[in-house]
mmCIF file of all heavy atoms, coordinates in Angstrom:
data_MODEL
# 
_entry.id   MODEL 
# 
loop_
_atom_site.group_PDB 
_atom_site.id 
_atom_site.type_symbol 
_atom_site.label_atom_id 
_atom_site.label_alt_id 
_atom_site.label_comp_id 
_atom_site.label_asym_id 
_atom_site.label_entity_id 
_atom_site.label_seq_id 
_atom_site.pdbx_PDB_ins_code 
_atom_site.Cartn_x 
_atom_site.Cartn_y 
_atom_site.Cartn_z 
_atom_site.occupancy 
_atom_site.B_iso_or_equiv 
_atom_site.pdbx_formal_charge 
_atom_site.auth_seq_id 
_atom_site.auth_comp_id 
_atom_site.auth_asym_id 
_atom_site.auth_atom_id 
_atom_site.pdbx_PDB_model_num 
ATOM 1   N N   . ALA A 1 1  ? -99.357 -27.936 96.035  1.00 0.00 ? 1  ALA A N   1 
ATOM 2   C CA  . ALA A 1 1  ? -99.163 -29.283 96.571  1.00 0.00 ? 1  ALA A CA  1 
ATOM 3   C C   . ALA A 1 1  ? -97.681 -29.643 96.607  1.00 0.00 ? 1  ALA A C   1 
ATOM 4   O O   . ALA A 1 1  ? -97.188 -30.222 97.587  1.00 0.00 ? 1  ALA A O   1 
ATOM 5   C CB  . ALA A 1 1  ? -99.939 -30.296 95.736  1.00 0.00 ? 1  ALA A CB  1 
ATOM 6   N N   . ASN A 1 2  ? -96.961 -29.304 95.559  1.00 0.00 ? 2  ASN A N   1 
ATOM 7   C CA  . ASN A 1 2  ? -95.527 -29.598 95.526  1.00 0.00 ? 2  ASN A CA  1 
ATOM 8   C C   . ASN A 1 2  ? -94.774 -28.803 96.582  1.00 0.00 ? 2  ASN A C   1 
ATOM 9   O O   . ASN A 1 2  ? -93.851 -29.316 97.228  1.00 0.00 ? 2  ASN A O   1 
ATOM 10  C CB  . ASN A 1 2  ? -94.959 -29.301 94.145  1.00 0.00 ? 2  ASN A CB  1 
ATOM 11  C CG  . ASN A 1 2  ? -95.448 -30.290 93.094  1.00 0.00 ? 2  ASN A CG  1 
ATOM 12  O OD1 . ASN A 1 2  ? -95.806 -31.416 93.433  1.00 0.00 ? 2  ASN A OD1 1 
ATOM 13  N ND2 . ASN A 1 2  ? -95.476 -29.870 91.833  1.00 0.00 ? 2  ASN A ND2 1 
ATOM 14  N N   . LEU A 1 3  ? -95.192 -27.530 96.740  1.00 0.00 ? 3  LEU A N   1 
ATOM 15  C CA  . LEU A 1 3  ? -94.557 -26.713 97.767  1.00 0.00 ? 3  LEU A CA  1 
ATOM 16  C C   . LEU A 1 3  ? -94.831 -27.275 99.155  1.00 0.00 ? 3  LEU A C   1 
ATOM 17  O O   . LEU A 1 3  ? -93.960 -27.284 100.016 1.00 0.00 ? 3  LEU A O   1 
ATOM 18  C CB  . LEU A 1 3  ? -95.063 -25.270 97.672  1.00 0.00 ? 3  LEU A CB  1 
ATOM 19  C CG  . LEU A 1 3  ? -94.536 -24.434 96.503  1.00 0.00 ? 3  LEU A CG  1 
ATOM 20  C CD1 . LEU A 1 3  ? -95.220 -23.066 96.478  1.00 0.00 ? 3  LEU A CD1 1 
ATOM 21  C CD2 . LEU A 1 3  ? -93.018 -24.271 96.598  1.00 0.00 ? 3  LEU A CD2 1 
ATOM 22  N N   . GLY A 1 4  ? -96.069 -27.770 99.367  1.00 0.00 ? 4  GLY A N   1 
ATOM 23  C CA  . GLY A 1 4  ? -96.401 -28.364 100.656 1.00 0.00 ? 4  GLY A CA  1 
ATOM 24  C C   . GLY A 1 4  ? -95.598 -29.622 100.913 1.00 0.00 ? 4  GLY A C   1 
ATOM 25  O O   . GLY A 1 4  ? -95.101 -29.841 102.024 1.00 0.00 ? 4  GLY A O   1 
ATOM 26  N N   . ALA A 1 5  ? -95.473 -30.474 99.896  1.00 0.00 ? 5  ALA A N   1 
ATOM 27  C CA  . ALA A 1 5  ? -94.692 -31.697 100.044 1.00 0.00 ? 5  ALA A CA  1 
ATOM 28  C C   . ALA A 1 5  ? -93.220 -31.375 100.302 1.00 0.00 ? 5  ALA A C   1 
ATOM 29  O O   . ALA A 1 5  ? -92.557 -32.009 101.130 1.00 0.00 ? 5  ALA A O   1 
ATOM 30  C CB  . ALA A 1 5  ? -94.835 -32.568 98.800  1.00 0.00 ? 5  ALA A CB  1 
ATOM 31  N N   . TRP A 1 6  ? -92.709 -30.362 99.573  1.00 0.00 ? 6  TRP A N   1 
ATOM 32  C CA  . TRP A 1 6  ? -91.313 -29.974 99.786  1.00 0.00 ? 6  TRP A CA  1 
ATOM 33  C C   . TRP A 1 6  ? -91.103 -29.434 101.185 1.00 0.00 ? 6  TRP A C   1 
ATOM 34  O O   . TRP A 1 6  ? -90.123 -29.760 101.862 1.00 0.00 ? 6  TRP A O   1 
ATOM 35  C CB  . TRP A 1 6  ? -90.936 -28.917 98.758  1.00 0.00 ? 6  TRP A CB  1 
ATOM 36  C CG  . TRP A 1 6  ? -89.532 -28.381 98.957  1.00 0.00 ? 6  TRP A CG  1 
ATOM 37  C CD1 . TRP A 1 6  ? -88.364 -28.936 98.532  1.00 0.00 ? 6  TRP A CD1 1 
ATOM 38  C CD2 . TRP A 1 6  ? -89.182 -27.183 99.667  1.00 0.00 ? 6  TRP A CD2 1 
ATOM 39  N NE1 . TRP A 1 6  ? -87.297 -28.165 98.930  1.00 0.00 ? 6  TRP A NE1 1 
ATOM 40  C CE2 . TRP A 1 6  ? -87.764 -27.081 99.620  1.00 0.00 ? 6  TRP A CE2 1 
ATOM 41  C CE3 . TRP A 1 6  ? -89.912 -26.197 100.311 1.00 0.00 ? 6  TRP A CE3 1 
ATOM 42  C CZ2 . TRP A 1 6  ? -87.097 -26.021 100.215 1.00 0.00 ? 6  TRP A CZ2 1 
ATOM 43  C CZ3 . TRP A 1 6  ? -89.237 -25.147 100.900 1.00 0.00 ? 6  TRP A CZ3 1 
ATOM 44  C CH2 . TRP A 1 6  ? -87.845 -25.062 100.850 1.00 0.00 ? 6  TRP A CH2 1 
ATOM 45  N N   . SER A 1 7  ? -92.049 -28.612 101.653 1.00 0.00 ? 7  SER A N   1 
ATOM 46  C CA  . SER A 1 7  ? -91.949 -28.054 102.996 1.00 0.00 ? 7  SER A CA  1 
ATOM 47  C C   . SER A 1 7  ? -91.978 -29.153 104.048 1.00 0.00 ? 7  SER A C   1 
ATOM 48  O O   . SER A 1 7  ? -91.201 -29.142 105.007 1.00 0.00 ? 7  SER A O   1 
ATOM 49  C CB  . SER A 1 7  ? -93.088 -27.061 103.244 1.00 0.00 ? 7  SER A CB  1 
ATOM 50  O OG  . SER A 1 7  ? -93.072 -26.590 104.569 1.00 0.00 ? 7  SER A OG  1 
ATOM 51  N N   . ALA A 1 8  ? -92.899 -30.131 103.886 1.00 0.00 ? 8  ALA A N   1 
ATOM 52  C CA  . ALA A 1 8  ? -92.981 -31.233 104.838 1.00 0.00 ? 8  ALA A CA  1 
ATOM 53  C C   . ALA A 1 8  ? -91.700 -32.062 104.813 1.00 0.00 ? 8  ALA A C   1 
ATOM 54  O O   . ALA A 1 8  ? -91.216 -32.521 105.850 1.00 0.00 ? 8  ALA A O   1 
ATOM 55  C CB  . ALA A 1 8  ? -94.186 -32.113 104.527 1.00 0.00 ? 8  ALA A CB  1 
ATOM 56  N N   . GLY A 1 9  ? -91.142 -32.252 103.613 1.00 0.00 ? 9  GLY A N   1 
ATOM 57  C CA  . GLY A 1 9  ? -89.909 -33.012 103.517 1.00 0.00 ? 9  GLY A CA  1 
ATOM 58  C C   . GLY A 1 9  ? -88.755 -32.334 104.223 1.00 0.00 ? 9  GLY A C   1 
ATOM 59  O O   . GLY A 1 9  ? -87.918 -32.988 104.843 1.00 0.00 ? 9  GLY A O   1 
ATOM 60  N N   . VAL A 1 10 ? -88.712 -31.003 104.149 1.00 0.00 ? 10 VAL A N   1 
ATOM 61  C CA  . VAL A 1 10 ? -87.663 -30.263 104.841 1.00 0.00 ? 10 VAL A CA  1 
ATOM 62  C C   . VAL A 1 10 ? -87.889 -30.305 106.346 1.00 0.00 ? 10 VAL A C   1 
ATOM 63  O O   . VAL A 1 10 ? -86.958 -30.513 107.127 1.00 0.00 ? 10 VAL A O   1 
ATOM 64  C CB  . VAL A 1 10 ? -87.627 -28.808 104.328 1.00 0.00 ? 10 VAL A CB  1 
ATOM 65  C CG1 . VAL A 1 10 ? -86.689 -27.964 105.181 1.00 0.00 ? 10 VAL A CG1 1 
ATOM 66  C CG2 . VAL A 1 10 ? -87.195 -28.767 102.873 1.00 0.00 ? 10 VAL A CG2 1 
ATOM 67  N N   . ARG A 1 11 ? -89.140 -30.112 106.766 1.00 0.00 ? 11 ARG A N   1 
ATOM 68  C CA  . ARG A 1 11 ? -89.453 -30.074 108.196 1.00 0.00 ? 11 ARG A CA  1 
ATOM 69  C C   . ARG A 1 11 ? -89.152 -31.408 108.868 1.00 0.00 ? 11 ARG A C   1 
ATOM 70  O O   . ARG A 1 11 ? -88.675 -31.443 109.992 1.00 0.00 ? 11 ARG A O   1 
ATOM 71  C CB  . ARG A 1 11 ? -90.925 -29.717 108.408 1.00 0.00 ? 11 ARG A CB  1 
ATOM 72  C CG  . ARG A 1 11 ? -91.287 -28.284 108.109 1.00 0.00 ? 11 ARG A CG  1 
ATOM 73  C CD  . ARG A 1 11 ? -92.768 -28.084 108.238 1.00 0.00 ? 11 ARG A CD  1 
ATOM 74  N NE  . ARG A 1 11 ? -93.241 -28.405 109.578 1.00 0.00 ? 11 ARG A NE  1 
ATOM 75  C CZ  . ARG A 1 11 ? -94.522 -28.574 109.888 1.00 0.00 ? 11 ARG A CZ  1 
ATOM 76  N NH1 . ARG A 1 11 ? -95.452 -28.476 108.947 1.00 0.00 ? 11 ARG A NH1 1 
ATOM 77  N NH2 . ARG A 1 11 ? -94.877 -28.847 111.115 1.00 0.00 ? 11 ARG A NH2 1 
ATOM 78  N N   . TYR A 1 12 ? -89.453 -32.506 108.180 1.00 0.00 ? 12 TYR A N   1 
ATOM 79  C CA  . TYR A 1 12 ? -89.330 -33.828 108.795 1.00 0.00 ? 12 TYR A CA  1 
ATOM 80  C C   . TYR A 1 12 ? -88.200 -34.644 108.169 1.00 0.00 ? 12 TYR A C   1 
ATOM 81  O O   . TYR A 1 12 ? -88.244 -35.865 108.183 1.00 0.00 ? 12 TYR A O   1 
ATOM 82  C CB  . TYR A 1 12 ? -90.655 -34.575 108.655 1.00 0.00 ? 12 TYR A CB  1 
ATOM 83  C CG  . TYR A 1 12 ? -91.831 -33.829 109.259 1.00 0.00 ? 12 TYR A CG  1 
ATOM 84  C CD1 . TYR A 1 12 ? -92.923 -33.461 108.486 1.00 0.00 ? 12 TYR A CD1 1 
ATOM 85  C CD2 . TYR A 1 12 ? -91.850 -33.483 110.604 1.00 0.00 ? 12 TYR A CD2 1 
ATOM 86  C CE1 . TYR A 1 12 ? -94.000 -32.775 109.037 1.00 0.00 ? 12 TYR A CE1 1 
ATOM 87  C CE2 . TYR A 1 12 ? -92.917 -32.803 111.162 1.00 0.00 ? 12 TYR A CE2 1 
ATOM 88  C CZ  . TYR A 1 12 ? -93.989 -32.447 110.363 1.00 0.00 ? 12 TYR A CZ  1 
ATOM 89  O OH  . TYR A 1 12 ? -95.046 -31.774 110.911 1.00 0.00 ? 12 TYR A OH  1 
ATOM 90  N N   . ARG A 1 13 ? -87.194 -33.958 107.659 1.00 0.00 ? 13 ARG A N   1 
ATOM 91  C CA  . ARG A 1 13 ? -86.092 -34.669 107.007 1.00 0.00 ? 13 ARG A CA  1 
ATOM 92  C C   . ARG A 1 13 ? -85.391 -35.599 107.977 1.00 0.00 ? 13 ARG A C   1 
ATOM 93  O O   . ARG A 1 13 ? -84.973 -36.705 107.613 1.00 0.00 ? 13 ARG A O   1 
ATOM 94  C CB  . ARG A 1 13 ? -85.108 -33.657 106.425 1.00 0.00 ? 13 ARG A CB  1 
ATOM 95  C CG  . ARG A 1 13 ? -83.901 -34.297 105.723 1.00 0.00 ? 13 ARG A CG  1 
ATOM 96  C CD  . ARG A 1 13 ? -83.003 -33.228 105.157 1.00 0.00 ? 13 ARG A CD  1 
ATOM 97  N NE  . ARG A 1 13 ? -83.699 -32.419 104.168 1.00 0.00 ? 13 ARG A NE  1 
ATOM 98  C CZ  . ARG A 1 13 ? -83.201 -31.284 103.665 1.00 0.00 ? 13 ARG A CZ  1 
ATOM 99  N NH1 . ARG A 1 13 ? -82.021 -30.844 104.079 1.00 0.00 ? 13 ARG A NH1 1 
ATOM 100 N NH2 . ARG A 1 13 ? -83.876 -30.606 102.773 1.00 0.00 ? 13 ARG A NH2 1 
ATOM 101 N N   . ALA A 1 14 ? -85.268 -35.188 109.232 1.00 0.00 ? 14 ALA A N   1 
ATOM 102 C CA  . ALA A 1 14 ? -84.579 -36.026 110.213 1.00 0.00 ? 14 ALA A CA  1 
ATOM 103 C C   . ALA A 1 14 ? -85.315 -37.344 110.417 1.00 0.00 ? 14 ALA A C   1 
ATOM 104 O O   . ALA A 1 14 ? -84.682 -38.382 110.656 1.00 0.00 ? 14 ALA A O   1 
ATOM 105 C CB  . ALA A 1 14 ? -84.442 -35.277 111.542 1.00 0.00 ? 14 ALA A CB  1 
ATOM 106 N N   . PHE A 1 15 ? -86.653 -37.344 110.331 1.00 0.00 ? 15 PHE A N   1 
ATOM 107 C CA  . PHE A 1 15 ? -87.412 -38.585 110.469 1.00 0.00 ? 15 PHE A CA  1 
ATOM 108 C C   . PHE A 1 15 ? -87.110 -39.531 109.307 1.00 0.00 ? 15 PHE A C   1 
ATOM 109 O O   . PHE A 1 15 ? -86.983 -40.743 109.503 1.00 0.00 ? 15 PHE A O   1 
ATOM 110 C CB  . PHE A 1 15 ? -88.909 -38.280 110.519 1.00 0.00 ? 15 PHE A CB  1 
ATOM 111 C CG  . PHE A 1 15 ? -89.394 -37.853 111.879 1.00 0.00 ? 15 PHE A CG  1 
ATOM 112 C CD1 . PHE A 1 15 ? -88.528 -37.756 112.948 1.00 0.00 ? 15 PHE A CD1 1 
ATOM 113 C CD2 . PHE A 1 15 ? -90.725 -37.541 112.091 1.00 0.00 ? 15 PHE A CD2 1 
ATOM 114 C CE1 . PHE A 1 15 ? -88.950 -37.367 114.197 1.00 0.00 ? 15 PHE A CE1 1 
ATOM 115 C CE2 . PHE A 1 15 ? -91.175 -37.146 113.345 1.00 0.00 ? 15 PHE A CE2 1 
ATOM 116 C CZ  . PHE A 1 15 ? -90.280 -37.064 114.392 1.00 0.00 ? 15 PHE A CZ  1 
ATOM 117 N N   . ARG A 1 16 ? -87.011 -38.980 108.090 1.00 0.00 ? 16 ARG A N   1 
ATOM 118 C CA  . ARG A 1 16 ? -86.674 -39.822 106.942 1.00 0.00 ? 16 ARG A CA  1 
ATOM 119 C C   . ARG A 1 16 ? -85.273 -40.425 107.111 1.00 0.00 ? 16 ARG A C   1 
ATOM 120 O O   . ARG A 1 16 ? -85.040 -41.598 106.810 1.00 0.00 ? 16 ARG A O   1 
ATOM 121 C CB  . ARG A 1 16 ? -86.734 -39.006 105.650 1.00 0.00 ? 16 ARG A CB  1 
ATOM 122 C CG  . ARG A 1 16 ? -88.138 -38.507 105.288 1.00 0.00 ? 16 ARG A CG  1 
ATOM 123 C CD  . ARG A 1 16 ? -88.106 -37.735 103.985 1.00 0.00 ? 16 ARG A CD  1 
ATOM 124 N NE  . ARG A 1 16 ? -89.394 -37.195 103.650 1.00 0.00 ? 16 ARG A NE  1 
ATOM 125 C CZ  . ARG A 1 16 ? -90.355 -37.847 102.982 1.00 0.00 ? 16 ARG A CZ  1 
ATOM 126 N NH1 . ARG A 1 16 ? -90.116 -39.105 102.595 1.00 0.00 ? 16 ARG A NH1 1 
ATOM 127 N NH2 . ARG A 1 16 ? -91.503 -37.290 102.712 1.00 0.00 ? 16 ARG A NH2 1 
ATOM 128 N N   . GLN A 1 17 ? -84.350 -39.636 107.583 1.00 0.00 ? 17 GLN A N   1 
ATOM 129 C CA  . GLN A 1 17 ? -82.989 -40.134 107.795 1.00 0.00 ? 17 GLN A CA  1 
ATOM 130 C C   . GLN A 1 17 ? -82.955 -41.173 108.910 1.00 0.00 ? 17 GLN A C   1 
ATOM 131 O O   . GLN A 1 17 ? -82.182 -42.140 108.847 1.00 0.00 ? 17 GLN A O   1 
ATOM 132 C CB  . GLN A 1 17 ? -82.062 -38.962 108.113 1.00 0.00 ? 17 GLN A CB  1 
ATOM 133 C CG  . GLN A 1 17 ? -81.897 -37.991 106.957 1.00 0.00 ? 17 GLN A CG  1 
ATOM 134 C CD  . GLN A 1 17 ? -81.185 -36.713 107.345 1.00 0.00 ? 17 GLN A CD  1 
ATOM 135 O OE1 . GLN A 1 17 ? -81.228 -36.288 108.503 1.00 0.00 ? 17 GLN A OE1 1 
ATOM 136 N NE2 . GLN A 1 17 ? -80.533 -36.077 106.388 1.00 0.00 ? 17 GLN A NE2 1 
ATOM 137 N N   . LEU A 1 18 ? -83.801 -40.988 109.924 1.00 0.00 ? 18 LEU A N   1 
ATOM 138 C CA  . LEU A 1 18 ? -83.882 -41.982 110.993 1.00 0.00 ? 18 LEU A CA  1 
ATOM 139 C C   . LEU A 1 18 ? -84.404 -43.316 110.464 1.00 0.00 ? 18 LEU A C   1 
ATOM 140 O O   . LEU A 1 18 ? -83.886 -44.385 110.816 1.00 0.00 ? 18 LEU A O   1 
ATOM 141 C CB  . LEU A 1 18 ? -84.802 -41.468 112.105 1.00 0.00 ? 18 LEU A CB  1 
ATOM 142 C CG  . LEU A 1 18 ? -84.978 -42.391 113.307 1.00 0.00 ? 18 LEU A CG  1 
ATOM 143 C CD1 . LEU A 1 18 ? -83.697 -42.448 114.131 1.00 0.00 ? 18 LEU A CD1 1 
ATOM 144 C CD2 . LEU A 1 18 ? -86.146 -41.934 114.181 1.00 0.00 ? 18 LEU A CD2 1 
ATOM 145 N N   . ALA A 1 19 ? -85.432 -43.254 109.610 1.00 0.00 ? 19 ALA A N   1 
ATOM 146 C CA  . ALA A 1 19 ? -85.969 -44.483 109.030 1.00 0.00 ? 19 ALA A CA  1 
ATOM 147 C C   . ALA A 1 19 ? -84.907 -45.204 108.203 1.00 0.00 ? 19 ALA A C   1 
ATOM 148 O O   . ALA A 1 19 ? -84.791 -46.440 108.251 1.00 0.00 ? 19 ALA A O   1 
ATOM 149 C CB  . ALA A 1 19 ? -87.191 -44.160 108.168 1.00 0.00 ? 19 ALA A CB  1 
ATOM 150 N N   . ALA A 1 20 ? -84.102 -44.448 107.467 1.00 0.00 ? 20 ALA A N   1 
ATOM 151 C CA  . ALA A 1 20 ? -83.051 -45.074 106.665 1.00 0.00 ? 20 ALA A CA  1 
ATOM 152 C C   . ALA A 1 20 ? -81.972 -45.694 107.552 1.00 0.00 ? 20 ALA A C   1 
ATOM 153 O O   . ALA A 1 20 ? -81.460 -46.774 107.242 1.00 0.00 ? 20 ALA A O   1 
ATOM 154 C CB  . ALA A 1 20 ? -82.438 -44.033 105.730 1.00 0.00 ? 20 ALA A CB  1 
ATOM 155 N N   . ARG A 1 21 ? -81.646 -45.042 108.649 1.00 0.00 ? 21 ARG A N   1 
ATOM 156 C CA  . ARG A 1 21 ? -80.581 -45.553 109.519 1.00 0.00 ? 21 ARG A CA  1 
ATOM 157 C C   . ARG A 1 21 ? -80.972 -46.865 110.169 1.00 0.00 ? 21 ARG A C   1 
ATOM 158 O O   . ARG A 1 21 ? -80.139 -47.780 110.294 1.00 0.00 ? 21 ARG A O   1 
ATOM 159 C CB  . ARG A 1 21 ? -80.252 -44.521 110.590 1.00 0.00 ? 21 ARG A CB  1 
ATOM 160 C CG  . ARG A 1 21 ? -79.248 -45.013 111.609 1.00 0.00 ? 21 ARG A CG  1 
ATOM 161 C CD  . ARG A 1 21 ? -78.755 -43.913 112.505 1.00 0.00 ? 21 ARG A CD  1 
ATOM 162 N NE  . ARG A 1 21 ? -77.793 -44.409 113.482 1.00 0.00 ? 21 ARG A NE  1 
ATOM 163 C CZ  . ARG A 1 21 ? -77.099 -43.636 114.299 1.00 0.00 ? 21 ARG A CZ  1 
ATOM 164 N NH1 . ARG A 1 21 ? -77.241 -42.328 114.246 1.00 0.00 ? 21 ARG A NH1 1 
ATOM 165 N NH2 . ARG A 1 21 ? -76.253 -44.162 115.170 1.00 0.00 ? 21 ARG A NH2 1 
ATOM 166 N N   . PHE A 1 22 ? -82.231 -47.000 110.593 1.00 0.00 ? 22 PHE A N   1 
ATOM 167 C CA  . PHE A 1 22 ? -82.661 -48.201 111.305 1.00 0.00 ? 22 PHE A CA  1 
ATOM 168 C C   . PHE A 1 22 ? -83.447 -49.162 110.404 1.00 0.00 ? 22 PHE A C   1 
ATOM 169 O O   . PHE A 1 22 ? -84.099 -50.073 110.911 1.00 0.00 ? 22 PHE A O   1 
ATOM 170 C CB  . PHE A 1 22 ? -83.512 -47.816 112.513 1.00 0.00 ? 22 PHE A CB  1 
ATOM 171 C CG  . PHE A 1 22 ? -82.732 -47.222 113.644 1.00 0.00 ? 22 PHE A CG  1 
ATOM 172 C CD1 . PHE A 1 22 ? -82.615 -45.850 113.778 1.00 0.00 ? 22 PHE A CD1 1 
ATOM 173 C CD2 . PHE A 1 22 ? -82.088 -48.034 114.566 1.00 0.00 ? 22 PHE A CD2 1 
ATOM 174 C CE1 . PHE A 1 22 ? -81.894 -45.283 114.814 1.00 0.00 ? 22 PHE A CE1 1 
ATOM 175 C CE2 . PHE A 1 22 ? -81.363 -47.477 115.606 1.00 0.00 ? 22 PHE A CE2 1 
ATOM 176 C CZ  . PHE A 1 22 ? -81.258 -46.098 115.727 1.00 0.00 ? 22 PHE A CZ  1 
ATOM 177 N N   . ASN A 1 23 ? -83.378 -48.946 109.084 1.00 0.00 ? 23 ASN A N   1 
ATOM 178 C CA  . ASN A 1 23 ? -84.121 -49.789 108.140 1.00 0.00 ? 23 ASN A CA  1 
ATOM 179 C C   . ASN A 1 23 ? -85.598 -49.855 108.531 1.00 0.00 ? 23 ASN A C   1 
ATOM 180 O O   . ASN A 1 23 ? -86.219 -50.927 108.515 1.00 0.00 ? 23 ASN A O   1 
ATOM 181 C CB  . ASN A 1 23 ? -83.523 -51.206 108.097 1.00 0.00 ? 23 ASN A CB  1 
ATOM 182 C CG  . ASN A 1 23 ? -82.110 -51.214 107.542 1.00 0.00 ? 23 ASN A CG  1 
ATOM 183 O OD1 . ASN A 1 23 ? -81.808 -50.498 106.593 1.00 0.00 ? 23 ASN A OD1 1 
ATOM 184 N ND2 . ASN A 1 23 ? -81.247 -52.018 108.134 1.00 0.00 ? 23 ASN A ND2 1 
ATOM 185 N N   . GLY A 1 24 ? -86.127 -48.706 108.916 1.00 0.00 ? 24 GLY A N   1 
ATOM 186 C CA  . GLY A 1 24 ? -87.506 -48.636 109.375 1.00 0.00 ? 24 GLY A CA  1 
ATOM 187 C C   . GLY A 1 24 ? -88.464 -48.149 108.315 1.00 0.00 ? 24 GLY A C   1 
ATOM 188 O O   . GLY A 1 24 ? -88.125 -48.018 107.136 1.00 0.00 ? 24 GLY A O   1 
ATOM 189 N N   . ARG A 1 25 ? -89.650 -47.852 108.761 1.00 0.00 ? 25 ARG A N   1 
ATOM 190 C CA  . ARG A 1 25 ? -90.730 -47.433 107.871 1.00 0.00 ? 25 ARG A CA  1 
ATOM 191 C C   . ARG A 1 25 ? -91.141 -46.002 108.202 1.00 0.00 ? 25 ARG A C   1 
ATOM 192 O O   . ARG A 1 25 ? -91.464 -45.699 109.345 1.00 0.00 ? 25 ARG A O   1 
ATOM 193 C CB  . ARG A 1 25 ? -91.924 -48.365 108.031 1.00 0.00 ? 25 ARG A CB  1 
ATOM 194 C CG  . ARG A 1 25 ? -93.101 -48.053 107.109 1.00 0.00 ? 25 ARG A CG  1 
ATOM 195 C CD  . ARG A 1 25 ? -94.200 -49.074 107.308 1.00 0.00 ? 25 ARG A CD  1 
ATOM 196 N NE  . ARG A 1 25 ? -95.345 -48.791 106.450 1.00 0.00 ? 25 ARG A NE  1 
ATOM 197 C CZ  . ARG A 1 25 ? -96.465 -49.516 106.439 1.00 0.00 ? 25 ARG A CZ  1 
ATOM 198 N NH1 . ARG A 1 25 ? -96.560 -50.558 107.252 1.00 0.00 ? 25 ARG A NH1 1 
ATOM 199 N NH2 . ARG A 1 25 ? -97.446 -49.210 105.631 1.00 0.00 ? 25 ARG A NH2 1 
ATOM 200 N N   . TYR A 1 26 ? -91.101 -45.145 107.208 1.00 0.00 ? 26 TYR A N   1 
ATOM 201 C CA  . TYR A 1 26 ? -91.533 -43.756 107.347 1.00 0.00 ? 26 TYR A CA  1 
ATOM 202 C C   . TYR A 1 26 ? -92.979 -43.659 106.889 1.00 0.00 ? 26 TYR A C   1 
ATOM 203 O O   . TYR A 1 26 ? -93.305 -44.044 105.769 1.00 0.00 ? 26 TYR A O   1 
ATOM 204 C CB  . TYR A 1 26 ? -90.639 -42.844 106.510 1.00 0.00 ? 26 TYR A CB  1 
ATOM 205 C CG  . TYR A 1 26 ? -91.043 -41.389 106.497 1.00 0.00 ? 26 TYR A CG  1 
ATOM 206 C CD1 . TYR A 1 26 ? -90.528 -40.502 107.443 1.00 0.00 ? 26 TYR A CD1 1 
ATOM 207 C CD2 . TYR A 1 26 ? -91.924 -40.892 105.544 1.00 0.00 ? 26 TYR A CD2 1 
ATOM 208 C CE1 . TYR A 1 26 ? -90.880 -39.160 107.429 1.00 0.00 ? 26 TYR A CE1 1 
ATOM 209 C CE2 . TYR A 1 26 ? -92.289 -39.555 105.526 1.00 0.00 ? 26 TYR A CE2 1 
ATOM 210 C CZ  . TYR A 1 26 ? -91.770 -38.692 106.465 1.00 0.00 ? 26 TYR A CZ  1 
ATOM 211 O OH  . TYR A 1 26 ? -92.132 -37.373 106.453 1.00 0.00 ? 26 TYR A OH  1 
ATOM 212 N N   . GLU A 1 27 ? -93.848 -43.160 107.755 1.00 0.00 ? 27 GLU A N   1 
ATOM 213 C CA  . GLU A 1 27 ? -95.271 -43.080 107.444 1.00 0.00 ? 27 GLU A CA  1 
ATOM 214 C C   . GLU A 1 27 ? -95.752 -41.650 107.629 1.00 0.00 ? 27 GLU A C   1 
ATOM 215 O O   . GLU A 1 27 ? -95.459 -41.017 108.652 1.00 0.00 ? 27 GLU A O   1 
ATOM 216 C CB  . GLU A 1 27 ? -96.086 -44.003 108.345 1.00 0.00 ? 27 GLU A CB  1 
ATOM 217 C CG  . GLU A 1 27 ? -95.739 -45.468 108.203 1.00 0.00 ? 27 GLU A CG  1 
ATOM 218 C CD  . GLU A 1 27 ? -96.527 -46.334 109.176 1.00 0.00 ? 27 GLU A CD  1 
ATOM 219 O OE1 . GLU A 1 27 ? -96.148 -46.394 110.357 1.00 0.00 ? 27 GLU A OE1 1 
ATOM 220 O OE2 . GLU A 1 27 ? -97.533 -46.928 108.732 1.00 0.00 ? 27 GLU A OE2 1 
ATOM 221 N N   . SER A 1 28 ? -96.490 -41.161 106.643 1.00 0.00 ? 28 SER A N   1 
ATOM 222 C CA  . SER A 1 28 ? -97.062 -39.822 106.713 1.00 0.00 ? 28 SER A CA  1 
ATOM 223 C C   . SER A 1 28 ? -98.514 -39.885 106.251 1.00 0.00 ? 28 SER A C   1 
ATOM 224 O O   . SER A 1 28 ? -98.825 -40.473 105.216 1.00 0.00 ? 28 SER A O   1 
ATOM 225 C CB  . SER A 1 28 ? -96.279 -38.848 105.827 1.00 0.00 ? 28 SER A CB  1 
ATOM 226 O OG  . SER A 1 28 ? -96.870 -37.569 105.850 1.00 0.00 ? 28 SER A OG  1 
# 
């Protein structure tokens, strides 16, 4: 589970950074 979460975080890191830039909401 941790490996899956880490993999998803790496794959979609740009989405997390986008949410931070626009003060938005990241949903998974």
